Amino acid sequence: MKIKIFLPIGALVLATGLFSCQNNTTPATDGAAAAPEALQAPYTQQYYDSLGQVMAAYHGLSAALVKSDTTAATSAAILLKQHVDSLPVQLLQMDSARLAAITGITGSISAELNGLVGEQALEGKREEYQMVSDMLYDLIKATGYKGHTVYRQFCPMAFDDKGAYWLSETRNIVNPYFGDKMLECGSTNDSLIYK
């Protein structure tokens, strides 16, 4: 008797979730809309080359989570931590308060990556990844990423419908929070374009 009741309820919850995800996609803009203006990335090329290594490792972590591969996610997080720890923030010519904030962000990213490496469960790794993604976005907004565009994407259903962000090189949605279950669930929330 209980199975007959739970099956329709389960199907209704799944259908609602899928409908919810489909309704959260960003509408296409018409051709008349102006392209966003590129932002300045005023720091040394050496810093941006190092940041490029950080982003490549971050995208490797994203790809591992898309595949739901905990071993690959751990390896990618270790590599990402190495690149974050070696990011030459001392090359950033800015006032000491801003530099301290940047150093705080990189330290926090490194600490979250330690947490991600220590997590055994895929869901725990994804929770740590969410925090890394948010802080990495803050770092890029503060320093720029010369010659690149960063897309900030959002999954409204992640973590029991609390939602979560991640960063991408493209507008295409490849959801690291659900992998194959809902690979294209999400929308592009923001884009940072740097000269």
N, C-alpha and C. Protein backbone atom coordinates (compact mmCIF):
# COMPACT_ATOMS: atom_id res chain seq x y z
N MET A 1 0.82 -1.19 0.00
CA MET A 1 0.00 0.00 0.00
C MET A 1 0.86 1.26 0.00
N LYS A 2 1.94 1.25 0.82
CA LYS A 2 2.80 2.42 0.91
C LYS A 2 3.51 2.68 -0.41
N ILE A 3 3.90 1.65 -1.12
CA ILE A 3 4.61 1.81 -2.39
C ILE A 3 3.73 2.53 -3.40
N LYS A 4 2.44 2.21 -3.44
CA LYS A 4 1.51 2.85 -4.38
C LYS A 4 1.41 4.35 -4.12
N ILE A 5 1.53 4.77 -2.89
CA ILE A 5 1.45 6.19 -2.55
C ILE A 5 2.76 6.90 -2.88
N PHE A 6 3.90 6.28 -2.57
CA PHE A 6 5.19 6.94 -2.75
C PHE A 6 5.61 7.04 -4.21
N LEU A 7 5.23 6.09 -5.05
CA LEU A 7 5.61 6.16 -6.45
C LEU A 7 5.06 7.41 -7.13
N PRO A 8 3.75 7.72 -7.03
CA PRO A 8 3.26 8.94 -7.67
C PRO A 8 3.88 10.20 -7.06
N ILE A 9 4.12 10.21 -5.76
CA ILE A 9 4.72 11.37 -5.11
C ILE A 9 6.15 11.55 -5.60
N GLY A 10 6.91 10.45 -5.69
CA GLY A 10 8.28 10.51 -6.18
C GLY A 10 8.34 11.00 -7.62
N ALA A 11 7.43 10.52 -8.45
CA ALA A 11 7.38 10.97 -9.84
C ALA A 11 7.04 12.45 -9.92
N LEU A 12 6.14 12.90 -9.06
CA LEU A 12 5.77 14.33 -9.04
C LEU A 12 6.95 15.19 -8.62
N VAL A 13 7.70 14.77 -7.61
CA VAL A 13 8.87 15.53 -7.15
C VAL A 13 9.92 15.61 -8.25
N LEU A 14 10.19 14.49 -8.93
CA LEU A 14 11.17 14.47 -10.01
C LEU A 14 10.73 15.37 -11.16
N ALA A 15 9.47 15.30 -11.55
CA ALA A 15 8.96 16.13 -12.64
C ALA A 15 9.03 17.61 -12.27
N THR A 16 8.70 17.94 -11.03
CA THR A 16 8.77 19.32 -10.58
C THR A 16 10.20 19.82 -10.62
N GLY A 17 11.14 18.99 -10.20
CA GLY A 17 12.56 19.35 -10.21
C GLY A 17 13.06 19.61 -11.62
N LEU A 18 12.73 18.73 -12.53
CA LEU A 18 13.17 18.91 -13.91
C LEU A 18 12.53 20.14 -14.54
N PHE A 19 11.26 20.38 -14.26
CA PHE A 19 10.58 21.56 -14.78
C PHE A 19 11.20 22.82 -14.20
N SER A 20 11.52 22.78 -12.91
CA SER A 20 12.14 23.92 -12.23
C SER A 20 13.47 24.26 -12.87
N CYS A 21 14.27 23.26 -13.17
CA CYS A 21 15.57 23.49 -13.78
C CYS A 21 15.42 24.09 -15.16
N GLN A 22 14.47 23.56 -15.95
CA GLN A 22 14.28 24.05 -17.31
C GLN A 22 13.81 25.50 -17.32
N ASN A 23 13.07 25.91 -16.31
CA ASN A 23 12.58 27.28 -16.27
C ASN A 23 13.61 28.27 -15.75
N ASN A 24 14.77 27.81 -15.32
CA ASN A 24 15.79 28.71 -14.80
C ASN A 24 16.89 28.98 -15.81
N THR A 25 16.68 28.64 -17.06
CA THR A 25 17.69 28.95 -18.06
C THR A 25 17.59 30.41 -18.45
N THR A 26 18.71 30.97 -18.83
CA THR A 26 18.74 32.37 -19.20
C THR A 26 18.17 32.53 -20.59
N PRO A 27 17.23 33.48 -20.79
CA PRO A 27 16.67 33.67 -22.12
C PRO A 27 17.73 34.20 -23.07
N ALA A 28 17.61 33.79 -24.33
CA ALA A 28 18.56 34.26 -25.34
C ALA A 28 18.35 35.74 -25.60
N THR A 29 19.44 36.44 -25.82
CA THR A 29 19.32 37.87 -26.12
C THR A 29 19.24 38.04 -27.61
N ASP A 30 18.56 39.09 -28.04
CA ASP A 30 18.45 39.33 -29.47
C ASP A 30 19.74 39.95 -29.99
N GLY A 31 19.91 39.94 -31.28
CA GLY A 31 21.13 40.44 -31.91
C GLY A 31 21.35 41.92 -31.69
N ALA A 32 20.34 42.67 -31.33
CA ALA A 32 20.46 44.11 -31.16
C ALA A 32 21.13 44.48 -29.83
N ALA A 33 21.20 43.55 -28.90
CA ALA A 33 21.79 43.86 -27.60
C ALA A 33 23.29 44.09 -27.75
N ALA A 34 23.80 45.09 -27.06
CA ALA A 34 25.21 45.43 -27.14
C ALA A 34 26.05 44.42 -26.37
N ALA A 35 27.21 44.12 -26.90
CA ALA A 35 28.13 43.21 -26.20
C ALA A 35 28.67 43.93 -24.97
N PRO A 36 28.86 43.20 -23.87
CA PRO A 36 29.39 43.85 -22.67
C PRO A 36 30.81 44.36 -22.93
N GLU A 37 31.14 45.46 -22.29
CA GLU A 37 32.46 46.05 -22.45
C GLU A 37 33.49 45.24 -21.68
N ALA A 38 34.67 45.08 -22.28
CA ALA A 38 35.74 44.32 -21.63
C ALA A 38 36.27 45.10 -20.43
N LEU A 39 36.58 44.37 -19.38
CA LEU A 39 37.12 44.95 -18.16
C LEU A 39 38.64 44.99 -18.25
N GLN A 40 39.26 45.82 -17.44
CA GLN A 40 40.71 45.92 -17.42
C GLN A 40 41.33 44.84 -16.54
N ALA A 41 42.45 44.35 -16.96
CA ALA A 41 43.25 43.41 -16.18
C ALA A 41 44.65 44.04 -16.11
N PRO A 42 44.91 44.87 -15.09
CA PRO A 42 46.09 45.75 -15.10
C PRO A 42 47.39 45.20 -14.53
N TYR A 43 47.45 43.94 -14.16
CA TYR A 43 48.63 43.45 -13.46
C TYR A 43 49.59 42.73 -14.41
N THR A 44 50.69 42.21 -13.89
CA THR A 44 51.75 41.64 -14.73
C THR A 44 51.31 40.35 -15.42
N GLN A 45 51.94 40.10 -16.58
CA GLN A 45 51.63 38.89 -17.33
C GLN A 45 52.04 37.65 -16.53
N GLN A 46 53.09 37.76 -15.73
CA GLN A 46 53.53 36.63 -14.90
C GLN A 46 52.41 36.20 -13.94
N TYR A 47 51.73 37.17 -13.34
CA TYR A 47 50.60 36.85 -12.45
C TYR A 47 49.50 36.14 -13.25
N TYR A 48 49.16 36.69 -14.43
CA TYR A 48 48.06 36.10 -15.20
C TYR A 48 48.42 34.72 -15.76
N ASP A 49 49.70 34.50 -16.07
CA ASP A 49 50.11 33.16 -16.50
C ASP A 49 49.88 32.16 -15.36
N SER A 50 50.23 32.57 -14.16
CA SER A 50 50.03 31.71 -12.98
C SER A 50 48.54 31.50 -12.72
N LEU A 51 47.75 32.57 -12.86
CA LEU A 51 46.30 32.45 -12.70
C LEU A 51 45.72 31.51 -13.75
N GLY A 52 46.30 31.50 -14.95
CA GLY A 52 45.87 30.57 -16.00
C GLY A 52 46.06 29.12 -15.57
N GLN A 53 47.16 28.84 -14.86
CA GLN A 53 47.38 27.48 -14.35
C GLN A 53 46.34 27.13 -13.28
N VAL A 54 46.01 28.13 -12.45
CA VAL A 54 44.97 27.93 -11.43
C VAL A 54 43.66 27.57 -12.12
N MET A 55 43.29 28.33 -13.13
CA MET A 55 42.01 28.11 -13.80
C MET A 55 41.99 26.78 -14.54
N ALA A 56 43.10 26.39 -15.16
CA ALA A 56 43.15 25.10 -15.85
C ALA A 56 42.94 23.96 -14.84
N ALA A 57 43.57 24.07 -13.68
CA ALA A 57 43.39 23.04 -12.64
C ALA A 57 41.96 23.06 -12.11
N TYR A 58 41.37 24.25 -11.96
CA TYR A 58 39.98 24.36 -11.50
C TYR A 58 39.05 23.68 -12.50
N HIS A 59 39.27 23.91 -13.79
CA HIS A 59 38.40 23.28 -14.80
C HIS A 59 38.59 21.76 -14.81
N GLY A 60 39.79 21.30 -14.48
CA GLY A 60 40.00 19.86 -14.33
C GLY A 60 39.20 19.29 -13.17
N LEU A 61 39.14 20.05 -12.07
CA LEU A 61 38.33 19.65 -10.92
C LEU A 61 36.85 19.62 -11.30
N SER A 62 36.41 20.63 -12.03
CA SER A 62 35.01 20.67 -12.48
C SER A 62 34.68 19.44 -13.32
N ALA A 63 35.58 19.12 -14.25
CA ALA A 63 35.34 17.96 -15.14
C ALA A 63 35.26 16.67 -14.34
N ALA A 64 36.10 16.52 -13.31
CA ALA A 64 36.06 15.31 -12.47
C ALA A 64 34.73 15.22 -11.74
N LEU A 65 34.22 16.36 -11.26
CA LEU A 65 32.93 16.34 -10.56
C LEU A 65 31.78 16.09 -11.52
N VAL A 66 31.87 16.58 -12.75
CA VAL A 66 30.85 16.28 -13.76
C VAL A 66 30.77 14.77 -13.96
N LYS A 67 31.93 14.11 -13.97
CA LYS A 67 31.97 12.65 -14.17
C LYS A 67 31.70 11.88 -12.88
N SER A 68 31.51 12.60 -11.77
CA SER A 68 31.28 11.98 -10.46
C SER A 68 32.44 11.06 -10.07
N ASP A 69 33.65 11.46 -10.41
CA ASP A 69 34.86 10.67 -10.17
C ASP A 69 35.59 11.25 -8.95
N THR A 70 35.42 10.63 -7.80
CA THR A 70 36.01 11.16 -6.57
C THR A 70 37.54 11.09 -6.58
N THR A 71 38.10 10.06 -7.18
CA THR A 71 39.56 9.94 -7.23
C THR A 71 40.16 11.05 -8.09
N ALA A 72 39.59 11.27 -9.26
CA ALA A 72 40.07 12.34 -10.14
C ALA A 72 39.84 13.70 -9.49
N ALA A 73 38.75 13.87 -8.77
CA ALA A 73 38.47 15.14 -8.09
C ALA A 73 39.52 15.42 -7.02
N THR A 74 39.92 14.39 -6.29
CA THR A 74 40.96 14.55 -5.27
C THR A 74 42.28 14.95 -5.92
N SER A 75 42.66 14.28 -6.99
CA SER A 75 43.91 14.61 -7.69
C SER A 75 43.88 16.03 -8.25
N ALA A 76 42.75 16.41 -8.83
CA ALA A 76 42.61 17.76 -9.39
C ALA A 76 42.66 18.82 -8.29
N ALA A 77 42.09 18.53 -7.14
CA ALA A 77 42.11 19.47 -6.02
C ALA A 77 43.52 19.65 -5.48
N ILE A 78 44.30 18.58 -5.44
CA ILE A 78 45.69 18.68 -5.00
C ILE A 78 46.48 19.57 -5.96
N LEU A 79 46.30 19.37 -7.26
CA LEU A 79 46.98 20.19 -8.26
C LEU A 79 46.54 21.65 -8.16
N LEU A 80 45.24 21.86 -8.01
CA LEU A 80 44.71 23.22 -7.88
C LEU A 80 45.29 23.91 -6.66
N LYS A 81 45.38 23.21 -5.55
CA LYS A 81 45.95 23.78 -4.33
C LYS A 81 47.40 24.20 -4.56
N GLN A 82 48.17 23.37 -5.25
CA GLN A 82 49.57 23.72 -5.54
C GLN A 82 49.65 25.02 -6.33
N HIS A 83 48.79 25.16 -7.33
CA HIS A 83 48.81 26.38 -8.15
C HIS A 83 48.32 27.60 -7.38
N VAL A 84 47.30 27.43 -6.55
CA VAL A 84 46.81 28.55 -5.73
C VAL A 84 47.89 28.98 -4.75
N ASP A 85 48.54 28.02 -4.12
CA ASP A 85 49.59 28.34 -3.15
C ASP A 85 50.79 29.03 -3.78
N SER A 86 51.03 28.81 -5.07
CA SER A 86 52.17 29.44 -5.74
C SER A 86 51.77 30.67 -6.56
N LEU A 87 50.53 31.10 -6.45
CA LEU A 87 50.07 32.30 -7.16
C LEU A 87 50.88 33.51 -6.66
N PRO A 88 51.59 34.23 -7.54
CA PRO A 88 52.47 35.32 -7.09
C PRO A 88 51.71 36.61 -6.78
N VAL A 89 50.94 36.60 -5.72
CA VAL A 89 50.15 37.79 -5.36
C VAL A 89 51.02 38.97 -4.99
N GLN A 90 52.30 38.72 -4.62
CA GLN A 90 53.19 39.81 -4.28
C GLN A 90 53.48 40.69 -5.50
N LEU A 91 53.20 40.19 -6.71
CA LEU A 91 53.40 40.99 -7.92
C LEU A 91 52.26 41.99 -8.15
N LEU A 92 51.17 41.84 -7.43
CA LEU A 92 50.03 42.74 -7.61
C LEU A 92 50.36 44.08 -6.96
N GLN A 93 50.41 45.10 -7.76
CA GLN A 93 50.71 46.43 -7.24
C GLN A 93 49.40 47.11 -6.86
N MET A 94 49.09 47.00 -5.58
CA MET A 94 47.86 47.57 -5.04
C MET A 94 48.10 47.93 -3.59
N ASP A 95 47.17 48.67 -3.01
CA ASP A 95 47.35 49.08 -1.61
C ASP A 95 47.34 47.86 -0.69
N SER A 96 47.92 48.04 0.48
CA SER A 96 48.13 46.91 1.40
C SER A 96 46.81 46.28 1.87
N ALA A 97 45.76 47.05 2.00
CA ALA A 97 44.47 46.50 2.43
C ALA A 97 43.90 45.56 1.37
N ARG A 98 43.96 45.98 0.10
CA ARG A 98 43.47 45.13 -0.99
C ARG A 98 44.34 43.88 -1.13
N LEU A 99 45.66 44.06 -1.00
CA LEU A 99 46.57 42.92 -1.10
C LEU A 99 46.31 41.92 0.02
N ALA A 100 46.03 42.42 1.22
CA ALA A 100 45.71 41.54 2.35
C ALA A 100 44.41 40.78 2.07
N ALA A 101 43.43 41.44 1.44
CA ALA A 101 42.18 40.77 1.09
C ALA A 101 42.42 39.67 0.07
N ILE A 102 43.26 39.93 -0.93
CA ILE A 102 43.59 38.93 -1.96
C ILE A 102 44.30 37.74 -1.31
N THR A 103 45.26 38.04 -0.42
CA THR A 103 45.98 36.98 0.27
C THR A 103 45.03 36.15 1.13
N GLY A 104 44.06 36.81 1.75
CA GLY A 104 43.05 36.10 2.53
C GLY A 104 42.21 35.17 1.67
N ILE A 105 41.85 35.64 0.47
CA ILE A 105 41.05 34.81 -0.44
C ILE A 105 41.85 33.58 -0.86
N THR A 106 43.11 33.78 -1.26
CA THR A 106 43.91 32.62 -1.71
C THR A 106 44.14 31.64 -0.57
N GLY A 107 44.33 32.16 0.64
CA GLY A 107 44.48 31.28 1.81
C GLY A 107 43.23 30.48 2.09
N SER A 108 42.07 31.12 1.94
CA SER A 108 40.80 30.44 2.16
C SER A 108 40.54 29.38 1.09
N ILE A 109 40.88 29.70 -0.16
CA ILE A 109 40.73 28.70 -1.23
C ILE A 109 41.59 27.48 -0.93
N SER A 110 42.82 27.72 -0.51
CA SER A 110 43.74 26.63 -0.18
C SER A 110 43.17 25.76 0.95
N ALA A 111 42.62 26.41 1.97
CA ALA A 111 42.04 25.67 3.10
C ALA A 111 40.84 24.83 2.65
N GLU A 112 39.98 25.39 1.81
CA GLU A 112 38.82 24.63 1.31
C GLU A 112 39.27 23.45 0.46
N LEU A 113 40.35 23.64 -0.31
CA LEU A 113 40.86 22.53 -1.11
C LEU A 113 41.40 21.41 -0.23
N ASN A 114 42.01 21.77 0.90
CA ASN A 114 42.42 20.74 1.87
C ASN A 114 41.20 19.96 2.33
N GLY A 115 40.11 20.69 2.60
CA GLY A 115 38.87 20.04 3.01
C GLY A 115 38.32 19.13 1.94
N LEU A 116 38.39 19.58 0.68
CA LEU A 116 37.89 18.77 -0.44
C LEU A 116 38.70 17.48 -0.56
N VAL A 117 40.01 17.59 -0.44
CA VAL A 117 40.86 16.40 -0.53
C VAL A 117 40.52 15.41 0.58
N GLY A 118 40.23 15.92 1.78
CA GLY A 118 39.91 15.06 2.92
C GLY A 118 38.53 14.44 2.87
N GLU A 119 37.63 15.01 2.09
CA GLU A 119 36.27 14.46 1.98
C GLU A 119 36.29 13.16 1.19
N GLN A 120 35.60 12.15 1.68
CA GLN A 120 35.53 10.87 0.97
C GLN A 120 34.31 10.82 0.05
N ALA A 121 33.21 11.42 0.49
CA ALA A 121 31.95 11.34 -0.26
C ALA A 121 31.92 12.40 -1.37
N LEU A 122 31.33 12.03 -2.47
CA LEU A 122 31.20 12.93 -3.62
C LEU A 122 30.44 14.21 -3.23
N GLU A 123 29.37 14.07 -2.47
CA GLU A 123 28.57 15.23 -2.08
C GLU A 123 29.40 16.20 -1.23
N GLY A 124 30.22 15.68 -0.34
CA GLY A 124 31.10 16.52 0.47
C GLY A 124 32.11 17.26 -0.39
N LYS A 125 32.65 16.59 -1.40
CA LYS A 125 33.59 17.23 -2.32
C LYS A 125 32.90 18.35 -3.08
N ARG A 126 31.66 18.11 -3.48
CA ARG A 126 30.92 19.15 -4.21
C ARG A 126 30.62 20.35 -3.33
N GLU A 127 30.37 20.14 -2.06
CA GLU A 127 30.14 21.26 -1.14
C GLU A 127 31.39 22.13 -1.00
N GLU A 128 32.54 21.49 -0.87
CA GLU A 128 33.81 22.23 -0.80
C GLU A 128 34.07 22.96 -2.12
N TYR A 129 33.78 22.30 -3.22
CA TYR A 129 33.95 22.89 -4.56
C TYR A 129 33.12 24.16 -4.70
N GLN A 130 31.92 24.15 -4.17
CA GLN A 130 31.06 25.33 -4.23
C GLN A 130 31.76 26.52 -3.58
N MET A 131 32.35 26.31 -2.41
CA MET A 131 33.01 27.41 -1.70
C MET A 131 34.26 27.87 -2.46
N VAL A 132 35.00 26.91 -3.03
CA VAL A 132 36.17 27.26 -3.84
C VAL A 132 35.73 28.11 -5.04
N SER A 133 34.65 27.71 -5.68
CA SER A 133 34.14 28.44 -6.86
C SER A 133 33.78 29.87 -6.51
N ASP A 134 33.09 30.07 -5.39
CA ASP A 134 32.69 31.42 -4.98
C ASP A 134 33.90 32.29 -4.69
N MET A 135 34.91 31.73 -4.01
CA MET A 135 36.10 32.51 -3.67
C MET A 135 36.97 32.78 -4.89
N LEU A 136 37.04 31.83 -5.80
CA LEU A 136 37.81 32.02 -7.02
C LEU A 136 37.18 33.12 -7.87
N TYR A 137 35.87 33.17 -7.89
CA TYR A 137 35.15 34.25 -8.60
C TYR A 137 35.52 35.60 -7.98
N ASP A 138 35.55 35.68 -6.66
CA ASP A 138 35.94 36.93 -5.98
C ASP A 138 37.37 37.31 -6.32
N LEU A 139 38.27 36.34 -6.39
CA LEU A 139 39.66 36.60 -6.74
C LEU A 139 39.76 37.18 -8.15
N ILE A 140 39.06 36.57 -9.10
CA ILE A 140 39.11 37.04 -10.49
C ILE A 140 38.50 38.43 -10.60
N LYS A 141 37.42 38.68 -9.90
CA LYS A 141 36.84 40.04 -9.93
C LYS A 141 37.81 41.07 -9.37
N ALA A 142 38.60 40.69 -8.39
CA ALA A 142 39.53 41.63 -7.75
C ALA A 142 40.79 41.87 -8.58
N THR A 143 41.25 40.87 -9.34
CA THR A 143 42.52 41.01 -10.05
C THR A 143 42.38 41.02 -11.56
N GLY A 144 41.26 40.52 -12.09
CA GLY A 144 41.12 40.37 -13.53
C GLY A 144 41.76 39.06 -13.98
N TYR A 145 41.56 38.76 -15.25
CA TYR A 145 42.11 37.54 -15.86
C TYR A 145 42.37 37.86 -17.32
N LYS A 146 43.47 38.52 -17.55
CA LYS A 146 43.83 39.12 -18.84
C LYS A 146 43.63 38.18 -20.02
N GLY A 147 42.85 38.67 -21.00
CA GLY A 147 42.64 37.94 -22.25
C GLY A 147 41.63 36.81 -22.17
N HIS A 148 40.87 36.74 -21.09
CA HIS A 148 39.93 35.63 -20.91
C HIS A 148 38.54 36.12 -20.53
N THR A 149 37.57 35.25 -20.79
CA THR A 149 36.21 35.46 -20.33
C THR A 149 35.87 34.34 -19.36
N VAL A 150 35.30 34.71 -18.23
CA VAL A 150 34.90 33.73 -17.22
C VAL A 150 33.39 33.81 -17.08
N TYR A 151 32.72 32.68 -17.21
CA TYR A 151 31.27 32.62 -17.06
C TYR A 151 30.94 32.07 -15.68
N ARG A 152 30.12 32.78 -14.96
CA ARG A 152 29.65 32.30 -13.66
C ARG A 152 28.28 31.67 -13.89
N GLN A 153 28.18 30.40 -13.58
CA GLN A 153 26.96 29.65 -13.86
C GLN A 153 26.32 29.19 -12.56
N PHE A 154 25.01 28.94 -12.64
CA PHE A 154 24.23 28.68 -11.43
C PHE A 154 23.31 27.49 -11.63
N CYS A 155 23.31 26.60 -10.65
CA CYS A 155 22.37 25.47 -10.62
C CYS A 155 21.39 25.73 -9.48
N PRO A 156 20.12 25.97 -9.78
CA PRO A 156 19.15 26.29 -8.74
C PRO A 156 18.77 25.10 -7.86
N MET A 157 19.08 23.89 -8.30
CA MET A 157 18.64 22.71 -7.57
C MET A 157 19.71 22.09 -6.69
N ALA A 158 20.94 22.60 -6.77
CA ALA A 158 22.03 22.02 -5.99
C ALA A 158 21.77 22.18 -4.49
N PHE A 159 22.20 21.19 -3.74
CA PHE A 159 22.12 21.21 -2.28
C PHE A 159 20.70 21.48 -1.79
N ASP A 160 19.79 20.61 -2.20
CA ASP A 160 18.38 20.67 -1.78
C ASP A 160 17.75 22.01 -2.12
N ASP A 161 17.94 22.44 -3.35
CA ASP A 161 17.34 23.66 -3.90
C ASP A 161 17.87 24.96 -3.28
N LYS A 162 19.02 24.91 -2.61
CA LYS A 162 19.65 26.14 -2.12
C LYS A 162 20.37 26.83 -3.28
N GLY A 163 20.81 26.04 -4.24
CA GLY A 163 21.51 26.57 -5.40
C GLY A 163 23.00 26.70 -5.16
N ALA A 164 23.77 26.69 -6.25
CA ALA A 164 25.22 26.82 -6.15
C ALA A 164 25.78 27.30 -7.49
N TYR A 165 26.88 28.02 -7.40
CA TYR A 165 27.56 28.57 -8.57
C TYR A 165 28.80 27.76 -8.91
N TRP A 166 29.25 27.89 -10.15
CA TRP A 166 30.54 27.40 -10.59
C TRP A 166 31.02 28.30 -11.73
N LEU A 167 32.29 28.16 -12.11
CA LEU A 167 32.88 28.98 -13.17
C LEU A 167 33.15 28.10 -14.38
N SER A 168 33.00 28.71 -15.56
CA SER A 168 33.21 27.97 -16.80
C SER A 168 33.95 28.82 -17.81
N GLU A 169 34.58 28.14 -18.77
CA GLU A 169 35.25 28.83 -19.88
C GLU A 169 34.27 29.13 -21.01
N THR A 170 33.13 28.47 -21.01
CA THR A 170 32.16 28.62 -22.09
C THR A 170 30.76 28.86 -21.52
N ARG A 171 29.87 29.31 -22.38
CA ARG A 171 28.47 29.50 -21.97
C ARG A 171 27.73 28.17 -21.82
N ASN A 172 28.26 27.12 -22.43
CA ASN A 172 27.61 25.80 -22.35
C ASN A 172 27.52 25.35 -20.90
N ILE A 173 26.35 24.85 -20.53
CA ILE A 173 26.13 24.37 -19.17
C ILE A 173 26.53 22.90 -19.08
N VAL A 174 27.50 22.62 -18.20
CA VAL A 174 27.92 21.26 -17.87
C VAL A 174 28.00 21.24 -16.36
N ASN A 175 26.94 20.76 -15.73
CA ASN A 175 26.72 20.91 -14.30
C ASN A 175 27.59 19.96 -13.45
N PRO A 176 28.51 20.52 -12.64
CA PRO A 176 29.35 19.67 -11.79
C PRO A 176 28.66 19.19 -10.52
N TYR A 177 27.47 19.72 -10.23
CA TYR A 177 26.78 19.33 -9.00
C TYR A 177 25.89 18.10 -9.17
N PHE A 178 25.51 17.79 -10.41
CA PHE A 178 24.66 16.63 -10.66
C PHE A 178 25.24 15.66 -11.68
N GLY A 179 26.24 16.09 -12.44
CA GLY A 179 26.83 15.21 -13.46
C GLY A 179 25.79 14.74 -14.45
N ASP A 180 25.81 13.44 -14.75
CA ASP A 180 24.91 12.87 -15.75
C ASP A 180 23.44 12.97 -15.38
N LYS A 181 23.14 13.09 -14.09
CA LYS A 181 21.74 13.14 -13.66
C LYS A 181 21.02 14.35 -14.26
N MET A 182 21.69 15.50 -14.26
CA MET A 182 21.11 16.72 -14.82
C MET A 182 22.24 17.57 -15.40
N LEU A 183 22.88 17.04 -16.41
CA LEU A 183 24.10 17.63 -16.96
C LEU A 183 23.92 19.08 -17.42
N GLU A 184 22.78 19.39 -18.01
CA GLU A 184 22.57 20.72 -18.58
C GLU A 184 21.69 21.61 -17.72
N CYS A 185 21.50 21.25 -16.46
CA CYS A 185 20.68 22.04 -15.56
C CYS A 185 21.48 23.24 -15.10
N GLY A 186 20.98 24.43 -15.34
CA GLY A 186 21.64 25.64 -14.87
C GLY A 186 21.54 26.76 -15.88
N SER A 187 22.14 27.88 -15.52
CA SER A 187 22.14 29.04 -16.40
C SER A 187 23.39 29.87 -16.15
N THR A 188 23.75 30.68 -17.14
CA THR A 188 24.86 31.60 -16.98
C THR A 188 24.34 32.83 -16.26
N ASN A 189 24.92 33.11 -15.12
CA ASN A 189 24.46 34.20 -14.26
C ASN A 189 25.23 35.49 -14.51
N ASP A 190 26.50 35.37 -14.88
CA ASP A 190 27.36 36.54 -15.07
C ASP A 190 28.51 36.15 -15.98
N SER A 191 29.11 37.13 -16.63
CA SER A 191 30.32 36.88 -17.40
C SER A 191 31.28 38.03 -17.17
N LEU A 192 32.53 37.68 -16.97
CA LEU A 192 33.59 38.65 -16.77
C LEU A 192 34.51 38.57 -17.98
N ILE A 193 34.58 39.64 -18.76
CA ILE A 193 35.38 39.66 -19.98
C ILE A 193 36.54 40.63 -19.75
N TYR A 194 37.77 40.14 -19.90
CA TYR A 194 38.95 40.97 -19.64
C TYR A 194 39.79 41.15 -20.89
N LYS A 195 40.30 42.38 -21.07
CA LYS A 195 41.20 42.70 -22.17
C LYS A 195 42.56 42.10 -21.90
